[in-house]
Amino acid sequence: MTTSLDPVNVAVLDDYHGVATTFADWSKVSNRANVTVFRDHPVEEDAVAELLAPFDVVCIMLERTSLSGSLLDRLPKLKLIVSTASRNASQDQAAAAERDITVAHTGYTSAPTIELTWALILASVHHVSSGAASVRAGGWQHTIGDDLVGKTLGILGLGRVGAGVAKVGLAFGMEVIAWSQNLTSEVAASAGVRLVSKEELLRTADVISVHMVLSSRTIGLIGAKEFALMKPSARLINTSRGPLVVEAALLHALANNRIAGAAIDVYDIEPLPLDHPFRHAENLLATPHIGYVARGHYERFYQDCVTNISVWLDGR
């Protein structure tokens, strides 16, 4: 059993960029605990269990590492989980509570995801990636972009991110429509958009942007049936969670020109496997889940991690 006299070991997981110690002052923790930062990303539960076995505290970055009940059973030393953001679907909070593991969260802002969503919309509509590649290769114009003004933006999920995306769409002069299971016409109207059925949104929208929370009822929200409803000129954007869109159905729609294109930042498996067909699909702009990767966001994440661990250490 761990006692208050035992040294505390802290693991900071999935620091892909190697910046965890530069965005916060960890001295408040490191002078009372051993802090280890990991840049690699073990996936298999056996590997994660072996890696984390010596640690009392684990800091996780969003949903990069799953902390299931079966994994927590293999981590008897673990006493504190610090999770970036206020919600984490990959973390079994009930299992943590049953094992007397404290769970703390950091602050979060939707702004970076809203900004990236529009970066992807504009880049897809105006063929920015292929145009830049043409210039680098010594070429020039070879594509024709689409106008957004007067077109229809369809938003699946009008929460904080969806409402922010809608506001920008209105500023571009687009008609904005929205749908989700619990969305009301009053809430939609307060955001300046019109509530429609899911089917109407899919049939009429020129740009469809997904902003739903991942749950049992939203997995596979966009599949073959939904792609069949879309305009051939439509574009799909997903900066929410990968499993909301059926990957095989998206690949089929792109390969058969069922839609004009897609831009996605999230995937079923992350990091994206090297042999994944998304890496080579035509008319697909794929980014490496960077919707939340912004300097201000990381400062908030890691500074709040330090604060949460410090408070926990004070209470030991």
Protein backbone atom coordinates (compact mmCIF):
# COMPACT_ATOMS: atom_id res chain seq x y z
CA MET A 1 0.00 0.00 0.00
CA THR A 2 1.24 3.48 -0.86
CA THR A 3 1.80 5.75 2.15
CA SER A 4 2.28 9.49 2.39
CA LEU A 5 6.02 8.83 2.91
CA ASP A 6 6.47 6.92 -0.33
CA PRO A 7 7.81 8.85 -3.33
CA VAL A 8 5.12 9.89 -5.79
CA ASN A 9 5.56 9.03 -9.45
CA VAL A 10 3.78 11.13 -12.09
CA ALA A 11 3.37 10.08 -15.72
CA VAL A 12 2.54 12.63 -18.42
CA LEU A 13 1.31 10.68 -21.43
CA ASP A 14 1.22 11.27 -25.16
CA ASP A 15 3.28 14.44 -25.33
CA TYR A 16 3.66 14.05 -29.10
CA HIS A 17 5.40 17.41 -29.50
CA GLY A 18 7.68 17.23 -26.46
CA VAL A 19 6.27 20.49 -25.05
CA ALA A 20 4.61 19.49 -21.75
CA THR A 21 7.43 20.91 -19.66
CA THR A 22 7.68 24.13 -21.67
CA PHE A 23 4.03 25.20 -21.42
CA ALA A 24 3.87 25.06 -17.61
CA ASP A 25 6.12 25.46 -14.57
CA TRP A 26 6.34 21.90 -13.25
CA SER A 27 8.58 22.83 -10.30
CA LYS A 28 5.53 22.87 -8.02
CA VAL A 29 5.25 19.15 -8.73
CA SER A 30 8.80 18.05 -9.53
CA ASN A 31 10.14 19.21 -6.16
CA ARG A 32 7.74 16.76 -4.48
CA ALA A 33 7.36 13.99 -7.06
CA ASN A 34 9.16 12.20 -9.86
CA VAL A 35 7.74 13.40 -13.18
CA THR A 36 8.19 11.29 -16.34
CA VAL A 37 7.00 12.55 -19.72
CA PHE A 38 6.25 10.07 -22.51
CA ARG A 39 6.20 11.04 -26.18
CA ASP A 40 5.42 7.60 -27.60
CA HIS A 41 1.93 6.13 -27.69
CA PRO A 42 1.50 2.48 -26.62
CA VAL A 43 -1.85 1.11 -27.77
CA GLU A 44 -2.23 -2.44 -26.47
CA GLU A 45 -3.54 -2.72 -22.90
CA ASP A 46 -0.67 -4.99 -21.83
CA ALA A 47 1.87 -2.39 -22.94
CA VAL A 48 -0.01 0.46 -21.26
CA ALA A 49 -0.38 -1.54 -18.02
CA GLU A 50 3.33 -2.32 -17.94
CA LEU A 51 4.25 1.29 -18.66
CA LEU A 52 1.98 2.79 -15.98
CA ALA A 53 2.42 0.20 -13.23
CA PRO A 54 4.92 2.34 -11.21
CA PHE A 55 2.84 5.53 -11.30
CA ASP A 56 0.57 7.12 -8.70
CA VAL A 57 -0.57 9.94 -10.99
CA VAL A 58 -1.32 9.83 -14.71
CA CYS A 59 -1.95 12.88 -16.91
CA ILE A 60 -3.76 12.03 -20.13
CA MET A 61 -4.20 14.17 -23.22
CA LEU A 62 -7.87 14.13 -24.23
CA GLU A 63 -8.79 10.66 -25.55
CA ARG A 64 -5.39 9.55 -26.80
CA THR A 65 -5.05 6.83 -24.14
CA SER A 66 -8.02 4.76 -22.97
CA LEU A 67 -8.25 4.15 -19.23
CA SER A 68 -10.77 1.30 -19.03
CA GLY A 69 -11.86 -0.55 -15.92
CA SER A 70 -9.81 -3.59 -16.91
CA LEU A 71 -6.71 -1.43 -17.24
CA LEU A 72 -7.33 0.31 -13.91
CA ASP A 73 -7.50 -3.13 -12.27
CA ARG A 74 -3.87 -3.59 -13.32
CA LEU A 75 -2.72 -0.27 -11.85
CA PRO A 76 -3.04 -0.70 -8.06
CA LYS A 77 -0.73 2.27 -7.34
CA LEU A 78 -2.81 4.75 -9.35
CA LYS A 79 -4.49 7.35 -7.15
CA LEU A 80 -5.04 10.37 -9.44
CA ILE A 81 -5.98 10.80 -13.10
CA VAL A 82 -5.67 14.30 -14.55
CA SER A 83 -7.58 14.54 -17.80
CA THR A 84 -7.32 17.48 -20.17
CA ALA A 85 -10.73 19.02 -20.91
CA SER A 86 -13.92 18.62 -18.90
CA ARG A 87 -15.10 15.40 -20.57
CA ASN A 88 -13.29 12.27 -21.72
CA ALA A 89 -15.17 9.39 -23.35
CA SER A 90 -12.11 7.10 -23.21
CA GLN A 91 -11.96 7.23 -19.43
CA ASP A 92 -14.13 4.97 -17.24
CA GLN A 93 -14.97 7.41 -14.46
CA ALA A 94 -17.30 4.97 -12.69
CA ALA A 95 -14.53 2.37 -12.57
CA ALA A 96 -12.12 4.99 -11.23
CA ALA A 97 -14.58 5.96 -8.49
CA GLU A 98 -15.05 2.30 -7.50
CA ARG A 99 -11.28 2.01 -7.05
CA ASP A 100 -10.98 5.28 -5.07
CA ILE A 101 -9.03 6.94 -7.88
CA THR A 102 -9.50 10.71 -7.95
CA VAL A 103 -10.26 12.20 -11.38
CA ALA A 104 -9.47 15.86 -12.07
CA HIS A 105 -10.03 17.85 -15.24
CA THR A 106 -8.49 20.90 -16.87
CA GLY A 107 -10.05 23.88 -18.60
CA TYR A 108 -10.99 23.77 -22.25
CA THR A 109 -12.04 26.11 -25.04
CA SER A 110 -13.81 25.35 -28.32
CA ALA A 111 -12.12 28.17 -30.24
CA PRO A 112 -9.26 26.17 -31.83
CA THR A 113 -11.65 23.52 -33.16
CA ILE A 114 -13.98 26.14 -34.61
CA GLU A 115 -11.02 27.80 -36.32
CA LEU A 116 -9.68 24.53 -37.73
CA THR A 117 -13.14 23.56 -38.99
CA TRP A 118 -13.19 26.69 -41.11
CA ALA A 119 -9.60 26.17 -42.20
CA LEU A 120 -10.64 22.75 -43.52
CA ILE A 121 -13.83 24.03 -45.15
CA LEU A 122 -11.98 26.78 -46.99
CA ALA A 123 -9.04 24.56 -47.90
CA SER A 124 -11.36 21.89 -49.29
CA VAL A 125 -13.60 24.28 -51.23
CA HIS A 126 -10.66 26.17 -52.74
CA HIS A 127 -8.33 23.16 -53.23
CA VAL A 128 -5.61 24.84 -51.16
CA SER A 129 -3.55 21.69 -50.58
CA SER A 130 -3.35 20.63 -54.22
CA GLY A 131 -2.81 24.22 -55.35
CA ALA A 132 0.13 24.62 -52.99
CA ALA A 133 1.53 21.27 -54.12
CA SER A 134 1.28 22.43 -57.74
CA VAL A 135 3.30 25.56 -57.01
CA ARG A 136 5.98 23.55 -55.20
CA ALA A 137 6.17 21.19 -58.17
CA GLY A 138 6.64 24.06 -60.63
CA GLY A 139 3.04 24.14 -61.83
CA TRP A 140 0.26 26.70 -61.61
CA GLN A 141 -3.55 26.78 -61.63
CA HIS A 142 -5.30 23.48 -62.26
CA THR A 143 -8.46 23.57 -60.11
CA ILE A 144 -11.56 25.76 -59.84
CA GLY A 145 -12.89 26.51 -56.38
CA ASP A 146 -16.49 26.87 -55.26
CA ASP A 147 -18.26 29.92 -53.85
CA LEU A 148 -19.64 29.81 -50.32
CA VAL A 149 -21.84 32.91 -50.36
CA GLY A 150 -25.44 31.88 -50.95
CA LYS A 151 -24.66 28.20 -50.36
CA THR A 152 -26.05 26.07 -47.53
CA LEU A 153 -24.02 24.99 -44.52
CA GLY A 154 -25.46 22.00 -42.67
CA ILE A 155 -24.35 21.47 -39.08
CA LEU A 156 -24.87 18.16 -37.29
CA GLY A 157 -24.74 19.13 -33.62
CA LEU A 158 -25.28 22.73 -32.53
CA GLY A 159 -23.30 22.77 -29.29
CA ARG A 160 -20.46 25.16 -28.50
CA VAL A 161 -18.40 24.17 -31.54
CA GLY A 162 -21.34 23.83 -33.91
CA ALA A 163 -22.78 27.20 -32.89
CA GLY A 164 -19.37 28.83 -33.38
CA VAL A 165 -19.03 27.29 -36.83
CA ALA A 166 -22.55 28.50 -37.66
CA LYS A 167 -21.66 32.08 -36.72
CA VAL A 168 -18.81 32.14 -39.22
CA GLY A 169 -21.00 30.57 -41.90
CA LEU A 170 -23.53 33.35 -41.46
CA ALA A 171 -20.74 35.92 -41.76
CA PHE A 172 -19.79 34.34 -45.10
CA GLY A 173 -23.34 34.86 -46.32
CA MET A 174 -24.35 31.22 -46.16
CA GLU A 175 -27.72 29.83 -45.21
CA VAL A 176 -27.12 27.71 -42.12
CA ILE A 177 -29.28 24.75 -41.15
CA ALA A 178 -28.79 22.34 -38.27
CA TRP A 179 -29.94 19.05 -36.79
CA SER A 180 -29.31 16.87 -33.77
CA GLN A 181 -31.47 14.46 -31.81
CA ASN A 182 -32.35 16.97 -29.09
CA LEU A 183 -32.07 20.27 -30.94
CA THR A 184 -35.13 22.54 -30.73
CA SER A 185 -36.21 25.23 -33.15
CA GLU A 186 -35.82 27.82 -30.37
CA VAL A 187 -32.20 26.91 -29.70
CA ALA A 188 -31.46 26.85 -33.43
CA ALA A 189 -33.08 30.25 -33.93
CA SER A 190 -31.04 31.71 -31.05
CA ALA A 191 -27.93 30.76 -33.03
CA GLY A 192 -29.35 32.32 -36.20
CA VAL A 193 -29.92 28.99 -37.95
CA ARG A 194 -32.91 26.90 -39.01
CA LEU A 195 -33.74 23.51 -37.57
CA VAL A 196 -34.37 20.83 -40.20
CA SER A 197 -34.59 17.06 -40.25
CA LYS A 198 -31.42 15.05 -40.69
CA GLU A 199 -32.62 13.92 -44.12
CA GLU A 200 -33.29 17.47 -45.32
CA LEU A 201 -29.89 18.61 -44.11
CA LEU A 202 -28.12 15.82 -45.96
CA ARG A 203 -30.08 16.42 -49.18
CA THR A 204 -29.71 20.20 -49.32
CA ALA A 205 -26.43 21.20 -47.66
CA ASP A 206 -23.42 22.09 -49.79
CA VAL A 207 -21.07 21.75 -46.82
CA ILE A 208 -21.89 19.32 -44.00
CA SER A 209 -19.93 19.76 -40.76
CA VAL A 210 -20.12 17.19 -37.95
CA HIS A 211 -20.02 18.37 -34.31
CA MET A 212 -21.69 15.63 -32.28
CA VAL A 213 -20.55 14.07 -29.01
CA LEU A 214 -19.45 10.45 -29.50
CA SER A 215 -21.90 8.07 -27.85
CA SER A 216 -23.68 4.78 -28.51
CA ARG A 217 -26.39 6.60 -30.48
CA THR A 218 -24.03 8.70 -32.62
CA ILE A 219 -21.47 6.08 -33.69
CA GLY A 220 -21.92 5.63 -37.43
CA LEU A 221 -24.05 8.77 -37.70
CA ILE A 222 -22.89 9.18 -41.31
CA GLY A 223 -22.77 5.97 -43.29
CA ALA A 224 -23.65 4.64 -46.75
CA LYS A 225 -27.32 5.61 -46.44
CA GLU A 226 -26.42 9.18 -45.50
CA PHE A 227 -23.85 9.58 -48.28
CA ALA A 228 -26.48 8.40 -50.77
CA LEU A 229 -28.65 11.35 -49.77
CA MET A 230 -25.96 14.00 -50.29
CA LYS A 231 -25.48 16.15 -53.37
CA PRO A 232 -22.64 15.07 -55.67
CA SER A 233 -21.25 18.58 -55.09
CA ALA A 234 -21.39 18.31 -51.28
CA ARG A 235 -18.39 18.28 -48.97
CA LEU A 236 -18.17 16.58 -45.59
CA ILE A 237 -16.13 18.03 -42.72
CA ASN A 238 -15.42 16.13 -39.49
CA THR A 239 -13.46 17.72 -36.65
CA SER A 240 -15.40 15.97 -33.90
CA ARG A 241 -14.70 12.23 -33.51
CA GLY A 242 -13.75 9.66 -36.13
CA PRO A 243 -16.36 6.95 -35.40
CA LEU A 244 -19.20 9.39 -36.12
CA VAL A 245 -18.47 8.77 -39.81
CA VAL A 246 -18.17 5.22 -41.17
CA GLU A 247 -14.71 5.18 -42.72
CA ALA A 248 -15.46 2.55 -45.36
CA ALA A 249 -18.56 4.45 -46.46
CA LEU A 250 -16.61 7.70 -46.76
CA LEU A 251 -13.90 6.02 -48.81
CA HIS A 252 -16.53 4.49 -51.10
CA ALA A 253 -18.29 7.85 -51.55
CA LEU A 254 -15.02 9.55 -52.47
CA ALA A 255 -13.81 6.79 -54.79
CA ASN A 256 -17.14 6.82 -56.67
CA ASN A 257 -17.48 10.61 -56.76
CA ARG A 258 -20.64 10.34 -54.68
CA ILE A 259 -19.56 13.59 -53.01
CA ALA A 260 -17.13 16.26 -54.19
CA GLY A 261 -14.74 15.93 -51.28
CA ALA A 262 -14.15 15.66 -47.56
CA ALA A 263 -11.86 17.15 -44.95
CA ILE A 264 -11.31 15.30 -41.68
CA ASP A 265 -9.18 15.73 -38.59
CA VAL A 266 -10.29 12.67 -36.58
CA TYR A 267 -10.11 8.91 -37.08
CA ASP A 268 -11.21 5.57 -35.66
CA ILE A 269 -7.60 4.75 -34.76
CA GLU A 270 -5.12 7.47 -33.84
CA PRO A 271 -2.38 7.98 -34.80
CA LEU A 272 -3.59 6.96 -38.24
CA PRO A 273 -1.96 3.66 -39.32
CA LEU A 274 0.69 4.05 -42.01
CA ASP A 275 -1.19 1.81 -44.43
CA HIS A 276 -4.58 3.47 -43.93
CA PRO A 277 -6.30 4.30 -47.25
CA PHE A 278 -7.16 7.80 -45.97
CA ARG A 279 -3.50 8.65 -46.56
CA HIS A 280 -3.98 8.21 -50.31
CA ALA A 281 -7.69 8.88 -50.97
CA GLU A 282 -8.54 11.31 -53.75
CA ASN A 283 -10.52 14.43 -52.84
CA LEU A 284 -9.74 13.95 -49.15
CA LEU A 285 -7.93 16.52 -47.03
CA ALA A 286 -6.72 14.74 -43.88
CA THR A 287 -5.03 16.45 -40.93
CA PRO A 288 -3.53 14.73 -37.83
CA HIS A 289 -6.16 15.63 -35.18
CA ILE A 290 -4.95 19.18 -34.66
CA GLY A 291 -8.30 20.77 -33.89
CA TYR A 292 -7.29 21.37 -30.27
CA VAL A 293 -3.53 21.72 -30.82
CA ALA A 294 -2.97 25.41 -30.18
CA ARG A 295 -0.49 27.23 -27.99
CA GLY A 296 -3.06 28.79 -25.66
CA HIS A 297 -4.88 25.48 -25.32
CA TYR A 298 -1.72 23.58 -24.39
CA GLU A 299 -0.72 26.22 -21.87
CA ARG A 300 -4.11 25.87 -20.21
CA PHE A 301 -3.98 22.07 -20.28
CA TYR A 302 -0.55 21.68 -18.75
CA GLN A 303 -0.82 24.56 -16.28
CA ASP A 304 -4.09 23.10 -14.99
CA CYS A 305 -2.42 19.68 -14.78
CA VAL A 306 0.25 21.16 -12.52
CA THR A 307 -2.38 22.86 -10.37
CA ASN A 308 -4.47 19.69 -10.03
CA ILE A 309 -1.49 17.57 -9.06
CA SER A 310 -0.26 20.21 -6.59
CA VAL A 311 -3.67 20.29 -4.87
CA TRP A 312 -3.70 16.50 -4.66
CA LEU A 313 -0.16 16.43 -3.23
CA ASP A 314 -1.17 19.03 -0.64
CA GLY A 315 -3.97 16.74 0.51
CA ARG A 316 -1.92 13.56 0.87
